[in-house]
C-alpha atoms as a PDB file:
ATOM      1  CA  MET A   1     -13.851  -1.837   4.605  1.00  0.00           C
ATOM      2  CA  SER A   2     -10.689  -0.804   2.766  1.00  0.00           C
ATOM      3  CA  LEU A   3      -6.971  -1.041   3.494  1.00  0.00           C
ATOM      4  CA  VAL A   4      -4.057   1.351   2.928  1.00  0.00           C
ATOM      5  CA  VAL A   5      -0.748  -0.249   1.959  1.00  0.00           C
ATOM      6  CA  VAL A   6       2.172   1.857   3.186  1.00  0.00           C
ATOM      7  CA  GLY A   7       5.908   1.234   3.121  1.00  0.00           C
ATOM      8  CA  THR A   8       8.989   1.947   5.155  1.00  0.00           C
ATOM      9  CA  GLY A   9      10.252   3.829   2.084  1.00  0.00           C
ATOM     10  CA  THR A  10      10.076   4.021  -1.673  1.00  0.00           C
ATOM     11  CA  GLU A  11      10.697   1.001  -3.960  1.00  0.00           C
ATOM     12  CA  ILE A  12      10.045  -1.284  -1.016  1.00  0.00           C
ATOM     13  CA  GLY A  13       7.479  -3.605  -2.635  1.00  0.00           C
ATOM     14  CA  LYS A  14       4.109  -1.959  -2.005  1.00  0.00           C
ATOM     15  CA  THR A  15       2.880  -2.507  -5.562  1.00  0.00           C
ATOM     16  CA  ILE A  16       3.817  -6.187  -5.562  1.00  0.00           C
ATOM     17  CA  ALA A  17       2.120  -6.615  -2.186  1.00  0.00           C
ATOM     18  CA  CYS A  18      -1.037  -4.993  -3.593  1.00  0.00           C
ATOM     19  CA  ALA A  19      -0.998  -7.306  -6.617  1.00  0.00           C
ATOM     20  CA  ILE A  20      -0.629 -10.363  -4.405  1.00  0.00           C
ATOM     21  CA  MET A  21      -3.468  -9.179  -2.154  1.00  0.00           C
ATOM     22  CA  VAL A  22      -5.732  -8.756  -5.176  1.00  0.00           C
ATOM     23  CA  ALA A  23      -4.845 -12.230  -6.424  1.00  0.00           C
ATOM     24  CA  ARG A  24      -5.304 -13.700  -2.941  1.00  0.00           C
ATOM     25  CA  TYR A  25      -8.694 -12.191  -2.128  1.00  0.00           C
ATOM     26  CA  SER A  26     -10.464 -11.205  -5.347  1.00  0.00           C
ATOM     27  CA  SER A  27     -12.243 -14.570  -5.509  1.00  0.00           C
ATOM     28  CA  LEU A  28     -13.786 -13.859  -2.095  1.00  0.00           C
ATOM     29  CA  PHE A  29     -14.641 -10.150  -2.275  1.00  0.00           C
ATOM     30  CA  PRO A  30     -15.109  -7.464  -4.940  1.00  0.00           C
ATOM     31  CA  LEU A  31     -11.935  -5.390  -4.896  1.00  0.00           C
ATOM     32  CA  ALA A  32     -10.510  -2.276  -6.488  1.00  0.00           C
ATOM     33  CA  TYR A  33      -6.950  -0.959  -6.553  1.00  0.00           C
ATOM     34  CA  TRP A  34      -6.252   2.754  -6.213  1.00  0.00           C
ATOM     35  CA  LYS A  35      -3.043   4.758  -5.936  1.00  0.00           C
ATOM     36  CA  PRO A  36      -4.334   8.318  -5.414  1.00  0.00           C
ATOM     37  CA  VAL A  37      -0.959  10.060  -5.775  1.00  0.00           C
ATOM     38  CA  ALA A  38       1.850   8.844  -8.001  1.00  0.00           C
ATOM     39  CA  THR A  39       5.096  10.300  -9.296  1.00  0.00           C
ATOM     40  CA  GLY A  40       7.703   8.964 -11.690  1.00  0.00           C
ATOM     41  CA  SER A  41       5.285   8.196 -14.508  1.00  0.00           C
ATOM     42  CA  ILE A  42       8.079   8.943 -16.965  1.00  0.00           C
ATOM     43  CA  GLU A  43       9.624   5.667 -15.772  1.00  0.00           C
ATOM     44  CA  GLY A  44       6.367   3.735 -15.413  1.00  0.00           C
ATOM     45  CA  ARG A  45       3.088   3.683 -13.508  1.00  0.00           C
ATOM     46  CA  ASP A  46       2.239   1.342 -10.653  1.00  0.00           C
ATOM     47  CA  THR A  47      -1.386   1.503 -11.755  1.00  0.00           C
ATOM     48  CA  LEU A  48      -0.474   0.045 -15.148  1.00  0.00           C
ATOM     49  CA  GLU A  49       1.701  -2.611 -13.506  1.00  0.00           C
ATOM     50  CA  ILE A  50      -1.211  -3.710 -11.317  1.00  0.00           C
ATOM     51  CA  GLU A  51      -3.437  -3.764 -14.378  1.00  0.00           C
ATOM     52  CA  ARG A  52      -0.922  -5.988 -16.180  1.00  0.00           C
ATOM     53  CA  LEU A  53      -0.488  -8.370 -13.261  1.00  0.00           C
ATOM     54  CA  CYS A  54      -4.048  -8.722 -11.978  1.00  0.00           C
ATOM     55  CA  GLY A  55      -6.320  -6.265 -13.772  1.00  0.00           C
ATOM     56  CA  HIS A  56      -8.717  -9.063 -14.679  1.00  0.00           C
ATOM     57  CA  GLN A  57      -9.336  -9.716 -10.982  1.00  0.00           C
ATOM     58  CA  ALA A  58     -10.185  -6.238  -9.694  1.00  0.00           C
ATOM     59  CA  GLU A  59     -11.215  -2.828 -10.899  1.00  0.00           C
ATOM     60  CA  ILE A  60      -8.220  -0.542 -11.441  1.00  0.00           C
ATOM     61  CA  LEU A  61      -8.970   3.067 -10.525  1.00  0.00           C
ATOM     62  CA  GLN A  62      -7.019   5.955 -11.992  1.00  0.00           C
ATOM     63  CA  GLU A  63      -4.775   8.243  -9.977  1.00  0.00           C
ATOM     64  CA  SER A  64      -6.118  11.515  -8.635  1.00  0.00           C
ATOM     65  CA  TYR A  65      -2.679  13.081  -9.090  1.00  0.00           C
ATOM     66  CA  LEU A  66      -0.037  11.810 -11.508  1.00  0.00           C
ATOM     67  CA  PHE A  67       3.331  13.457 -12.150  1.00  0.00           C
ATOM     68  CA  GLU A  68       6.250  12.559 -14.422  1.00  0.00           C
ATOM     69  CA  PRO A  69       9.378  13.222 -12.296  1.00  0.00           C
ATOM     70  CA  PRO A  70      10.439  10.472  -9.840  1.00  0.00           C
ATOM     71  CA  VAL A  71      10.544  12.846  -6.863  1.00  0.00           C
ATOM     72  CA  SER A  72       8.537  13.561  -3.716  1.00  0.00           C
ATOM     73  CA  PRO A  73       4.888  14.467  -4.413  1.00  0.00           C
ATOM     74  CA  HIS A  74       5.171  17.982  -3.017  1.00  0.00           C
ATOM     75  CA  LEU A  75       8.130  18.718  -5.299  1.00  0.00           C
ATOM     76  CA  ALA A  76       6.553  17.030  -8.326  1.00  0.00           C
ATOM     77  CA  ALA A  77       3.443  19.177  -7.890  1.00  0.00           C
ATOM     78  CA  ARG A  78       5.525  22.334  -7.539  1.00  0.00           C
ATOM     79  CA  LEU A  79       7.520  21.548 -10.675  1.00  0.00           C
ATOM     80  CA  ALA A  80       4.247  21.031 -12.545  1.00  0.00           C
ATOM     81  CA  LYS A  81       2.905  24.324 -11.142  1.00  0.00           C
ATOM     82  CA  LYS A  82       0.068  22.404  -9.528  1.00  0.00           C
ATOM     83  CA  ARG A  83      -1.124  21.760  -6.010  1.00  0.00           C
ATOM     84  CA  ILE A  84      -2.151  18.490  -4.419  1.00  0.00           C
ATOM     85  CA  ARG A  85      -5.379  19.102  -2.548  1.00  0.00           C
ATOM     86  CA  PRO A  86      -5.931  16.491   0.174  1.00  0.00           C
ATOM     87  CA  GLU A  87      -9.630  17.340   0.318  1.00  0.00           C
ATOM     88  CA  SER A  88      -9.918  16.278  -3.342  1.00  0.00           C
ATOM     89  CA  ILE A  89      -8.391  12.887  -2.541  1.00  0.00           C
ATOM     90  CA  ILE A  90     -10.753  12.414   0.391  1.00  0.00           C
ATOM     91  CA  GLN A  91     -13.692  13.349  -1.819  1.00  0.00           C
ATOM     92  CA  ALA A  92     -12.514  10.924  -4.507  1.00  0.00           C
ATOM     93  CA  PHE A  93     -12.326   8.150  -1.900  1.00  0.00           C
ATOM     94  CA  SER A  94     -15.875   8.912  -0.797  1.00  0.00           C
ATOM     95  CA  THR A  95     -17.041   8.848  -4.416  1.00  0.00           C
ATOM     96  CA  HIS A  96     -15.358   5.491  -5.071  1.00  0.00           C
ATOM     97  CA  ARG A  97     -16.972   4.019  -1.969  1.00  0.00           C
ATOM     98  CA  LYS A  98     -20.449   5.341  -2.800  1.00  0.00           C
ATOM     99  CA  ARG A  99     -20.273   4.182  -6.410  1.00  0.00           C
ATOM    100  CA  ASP A 100     -19.863   0.582  -5.271  1.00  0.00           C
ATOM    101  CA  PRO A 101     -20.480   0.101  -1.517  1.00  0.00           C
ATOM    102  CA  GLY A 102     -19.981  -3.646  -1.841  1.00  0.00           C
ATOM    103  CA  ARG A 103     -16.378  -3.281  -2.971  1.00  0.00           C
ATOM    104  CA  ALA A 104     -13.272  -2.836  -0.821  1.00  0.00           C
ATOM    105  CA  LEU A 105     -10.396  -0.640  -1.952  1.00  0.00           C
ATOM    106  CA  ILE A 106      -6.740  -1.593  -1.711  1.00  0.00           C
ATOM    107  CA  ILE A 107      -5.116   1.830  -1.556  1.00  0.00           C
ATOM    108  CA  GLU A 108      -1.405   2.123  -2.260  1.00  0.00           C
ATOM    109  CA  GLY A 109       0.478   4.936  -0.570  1.00  0.00           C
ATOM    110  CA  ILE A 110       3.460   6.742  -2.040  1.00  0.00           C
ATOM    111  CA  GLY A 111       6.984   6.544  -0.648  1.00  0.00           C
ATOM    112  CA  GLY A 112       7.155   6.224   3.121  1.00  0.00           C
ATOM    113  CA  LEU A 113       4.708   7.223   5.821  1.00  0.00           C
ATOM    114  CA  LEU A 114       6.060  10.751   6.316  1.00  0.00           C
ATOM    115  CA  VAL A 115       6.455  11.748   2.672  1.00  0.00           C
ATOM    116  CA  PRO A 116       5.048  15.284   2.147  1.00  0.00           C
ATOM    117  CA  LEU A 117       2.119  15.660  -0.219  1.00  0.00           C
ATOM    118  CA  THR A 118       2.087  19.451  -0.062  1.00  0.00           C
ATOM    119  CA  SER A 119       4.694  22.174   0.400  1.00  0.00           C
ATOM    120  CA  GLY A 120       2.844  23.169   3.550  1.00  0.00           C
ATOM    121  CA  GLY A 121       3.889  19.936   5.260  1.00  0.00           C
ATOM    122  CA  TYR A 122       0.753  17.818   4.845  1.00  0.00           C
ATOM    123  CA  LEU A 123       2.094  14.250   5.012  1.00  0.00           C
ATOM    124  CA  LEU A 124       0.853  10.911   3.759  1.00  0.00           C
ATOM    125  CA  ALA A 125       0.272  10.062   7.427  1.00  0.00           C
ATOM    126  CA  ASP A 126      -2.088  13.040   7.712  1.00  0.00           C
ATOM    127  CA  LEU A 127      -4.111  11.781   4.749  1.00  0.00           C
ATOM    128  CA  ILE A 128      -4.400   8.307   6.261  1.00  0.00           C
ATOM    129  CA  GLN A 129      -5.572   9.851   9.534  1.00  0.00           C
ATOM    130  CA  GLU A 130      -8.336  11.688   7.692  1.00  0.00           C
ATOM    131  CA  LEU A 131      -9.374   8.612   5.738  1.00  0.00           C
ATOM    132  CA  LYS A 132      -9.609   6.671   9.025  1.00  0.00           C
ATOM    133  CA  LEU A 133      -8.544   3.415   7.424  1.00  0.00           C
ATOM    134  CA  PRO A 134      -6.426   0.523   8.718  1.00  0.00           C
ATOM    135  CA  CYS A 135      -2.935   0.099   7.288  1.00  0.00           C
ATOM    136  CA  LEU A 136      -0.641  -2.703   6.204  1.00  0.00           C
ATOM    137  CA  LEU A 137       3.089  -1.955   6.381  1.00  0.00           C
ATOM    138  CA  VAL A 138       5.446  -3.319   3.730  1.00  0.00           C
ATOM    139  CA  ALA A 139       9.115  -3.559   4.707  1.00  0.00           C
ATOM    140  CA  SER A 140      12.301  -5.014   3.301  1.00  0.00           C
ATOM    141  CA  SER A 141      13.586  -8.292   4.725  1.00  0.00           C
ATOM    142  CA  THR A 142      17.233  -7.250   4.386  1.00  0.00           C
ATOM    143  CA  LEU A 143      19.864  -5.508   6.522  1.00  0.00           C
ATOM    144  CA  GLY A 144      18.615  -2.315   8.187  1.00  0.00           C
ATOM    145  CA  THR A 145      14.962  -3.298   8.100  1.00  0.00           C
ATOM    146  CA  ILE A 146      14.572  -3.737  11.870  1.00  0.00           C
ATOM    147  CA  ASN A 147      15.328  -0.077  12.521  1.00  0.00           C
ATOM    148  CA  HIS A 148      13.333   1.247   9.543  1.00  0.00           C
ATOM    149  CA  THR A 149      10.341  -0.929  10.313  1.00  0.00           C
ATOM    150  CA  LEU A 150      10.228  -0.228  14.043  1.00  0.00           C
ATOM    151  CA  LEU A 151      10.561   3.516  13.373  1.00  0.00           C
ATOM    152  CA  SER A 152       7.605   3.341  10.980  1.00  0.00           C
ATOM    153  CA  ILE A 153       5.567   1.330  13.476  1.00  0.00           C
ATOM    154  CA  GLU A 154       6.338   3.842  16.222  1.00  0.00           C
ATOM    155  CA  ALA A 155       5.391   6.774  13.989  1.00  0.00           C
ATOM    156  CA  MET A 156       2.085   5.139  13.076  1.00  0.00           C
ATOM    157  CA  LYS A 157       1.238   4.315  16.675  1.00  0.00           C
ATOM    158  CA  SER A 158       2.037   7.879  17.771  1.00  0.00           C
ATOM    159  CA  ARG A 159      -0.563   9.091  15.265  1.00  0.00           C
ATOM    160  CA  ASP A 160      -3.139   6.523  16.376  1.00  0.00           C
ATOM    161  CA  LEU A 161      -3.120   4.854  12.969  1.00  0.00           C
ATOM    162  CA  LYS A 162      -4.452   1.304  13.013  1.00  0.00           C
ATOM    163  CA  LEU A 163      -1.704  -1.019  11.799  1.00  0.00           C
ATOM    164  CA  VAL A 164      -2.874  -4.552  11.147  1.00  0.00           C
ATOM    165  CA  GLY A 165       0.485  -6.156  10.416  1.00  0.00           C
ATOM    166  CA  VAL A 166       3.711  -6.227   8.437  1.00  0.00           C
ATOM    167  CA  VAL A 167       4.604  -7.791   5.099  1.00  0.00           C
ATOM    168  CA  LEU A 168       8.278  -8.524   4.466  1.00  0.00           C
ATOM    169  CA  ASN A 169       9.623  -8.308   0.932  1.00  0.00           C
ATOM    170  CA  GLY A 170      12.894  -9.902  -0.173  1.00  0.00           C
ATOM    171  CA  PRO A 171      15.091 -12.911   0.619  1.00  0.00           C
ATOM    172  CA  GLU A 172      14.231 -14.977   3.681  1.00  0.00           C
ATOM    173  CA  ASN A 173      15.744 -13.645   6.924  1.00  0.00           C
ATOM    174  CA  ARG A 174      14.346 -15.396   9.965  1.00  0.00           C
ATOM    175  CA  GLU A 175      16.161 -13.206  12.506  1.00  0.00           C
ATOM    176  CA  ASN A 176      14.800  -9.967  11.044  1.00  0.00           C
ATOM    177  CA  ARG A 177      11.314 -11.440  10.870  1.00  0.00           C
ATOM    178  CA  GLN A 178      11.372 -12.560  14.496  1.00  0.00           C
ATOM    179  CA  ALA A 179      12.772  -9.227  15.713  1.00  0.00           C
ATOM    180  CA  ILE A 180      10.117  -7.176  13.927  1.00  0.00           C
ATOM    181  CA  HIS A 181       7.371  -9.441  15.245  1.00  0.00           C
ATOM    182  CA  LYS A 182       8.713  -9.388  18.806  1.00  0.00           C
ATOM    183  CA  PHE A 183       9.664  -5.730  19.167  1.00  0.00           C
ATOM    184  CA  GLY A 184       6.964  -4.307  16.905  1.00  0.00           C
ATOM    185  CA  HIS A 185       4.235  -6.333  18.653  1.00  0.00           C
ATOM    186  CA  LEU A 186       2.566  -7.031  15.316  1.00  0.00           C
ATOM    187  CA  PRO A 187       1.850 -10.112  13.219  1.00  0.00           C
ATOM    188  CA  ILE A 188       3.930 -10.801  10.120  1.00  0.00           C
ATOM    189  CA  ILE A 189       1.160 -11.195   7.556  1.00  0.00           C
ATOM    190  CA  GLY A 190       3.379 -12.698   4.909  1.00  0.00           C
ATOM    191  CA  HIS A 191       6.788 -12.848   3.298  1.00  0.00           C
ATOM    192  CA  ILE A 192       7.160 -12.070  -0.401  1.00  0.00           C
ATOM    193  CA  ARG A 193      10.259 -13.707  -1.783  1.00  0.00           C
ATOM    194  CA  PRO A 194      11.820 -12.416  -5.032  1.00  0.00           C
ATOM    195  CA  ILE A 195       9.508 -13.100  -7.977  1.00  0.00           C
ATOM    196  CA  HIS A 196      11.164 -13.743 -11.358  1.00  0.00           C
ATOM    197  CA  PRO A 197       9.779 -13.129 -13.843  1.00  0.00           C
ATOM    198  CA  LEU A 198       7.127 -10.753 -12.548  1.00  0.00           C
ATOM    199  CA  SER A 199       4.115 -12.236 -14.305  1.00  0.00           C
ATOM    200  CA  PRO A 200       0.412 -12.824 -13.565  1.00  0.00           C
ATOM    201  CA  LYS A 201       1.132 -16.540 -13.194  1.00  0.00           C
ATOM    202  CA  ASN A 202       3.881 -15.991 -10.625  1.00  0.00           C
ATOM    203  CA  ILE A 203       1.826 -13.413  -8.733  1.00  0.00           C
ATOM    204  CA  GLY A 204      -0.938 -16.004  -8.496  1.00  0.00           C
ATOM    205  CA  ARG A 205       1.542 -18.577  -7.235  1.00  0.00           C
ATOM    206  CA  ALA A 206       2.819 -16.171  -4.557  1.00  0.00           C
ATOM    207  CA  ALA A 207      -0.745 -15.339  -3.555  1.00  0.00           C
ATOM    208  CA  ARG A 208      -1.515 -18.954  -2.714  1.00  0.00           C
ATOM    209  CA  GLY A 209       0.991 -18.887   0.140  1.00  0.00           C
ATOM    210  CA  PHE A 210       0.271 -15.337   1.275  1.00  0.00           C
ATOM    211  CA  ASP A 211      -1.544 -14.505   4.523  1.00  0.00           C
ATOM    212  CA  ARG A 212      -2.052 -18.160   5.386  1.00  0.00           C
ATOM    213  CA  LYS A 213      -4.079 -17.290   8.496  1.00  0.00           C
ATOM    214  CA  ALA A 214      -6.315 -14.922   6.481  1.00  0.00           C
ATOM    215  CA  LEU A 215      -5.636 -12.071   8.903  1.00  0.00           C
ATOM    216  CA  LEU A 216      -6.523  -9.483   6.250  1.00  0.00           C
ATOM    217  CA  LYS A 217      -9.830 -11.068   5.382  1.00  0.00           C
ATOM    218  CA  SER A 218     -11.969  -8.963   7.728  1.00  0.00           C
ATOM    219  CA  TYR A 219     -10.409  -5.732   6.428  1.00  0.00           C
ATOM    220  CA  LEU A 220     -11.314  -6.505   2.817  1.00  0.00           C
ATOM    221  CA  ASN A 221     -14.831  -7.711   3.536  1.00  0.00           C
ATOM    222  CA  SER A 222     -17.079  -4.723   2.800  1.00  0.00           C
ATOM    223  CA  ASP A 223     -19.866  -6.296   4.881  1.00  0.00           C
ATOM    224  CA  GLN A 224     -17.756  -5.606   7.967  1.00  0.00           C
ATOM    225  CA  GLY A 225     -16.761  -2.022   7.151  1.00  0.00           C
END
């Protein structure tokens, strides 16, 4: 099986969560990381950051669509006089799966759940629906996260997306954690505290305490998907 990592918004910690998941589970299962759509490459690429942090532990797949401006995908494509074709992403996913059926993909989304991929209003949520994959939601641990996280959970449930749990990113906040768990009716898979410096060694250290109950294990085991 494979897993889509989505966030309550942009710059929320999805890439770090993906790196920690690779470090946590790559010794158990063959894994690959893929971010099919990315913008803001003029400022840096998440794919290259994953390669730097844990590229020796998993295969790093290249983006299907990559744009320089740090803006919404639909706008970035329009500025580049291009068009994001969801069917091409779905075909690329199928190709990646067929090329190595024994490998699970950790797929990083872009922005938040309802970010538009096309000017016609095709959203990231629509793509996830078509891929028919379970999701992991990454949220901030700080002020405002209860509302943002519960809104994202509600939006995912209304679209019948399978959400396996929440990862909190940022300083420890027990009250926010308990509220999201209680009102979102979902497990808190892990809490990623600030990592300084952001290095392969520190990612590995964070991975050792991540998902202590191994709740994600069945979703990354290709024998069960």
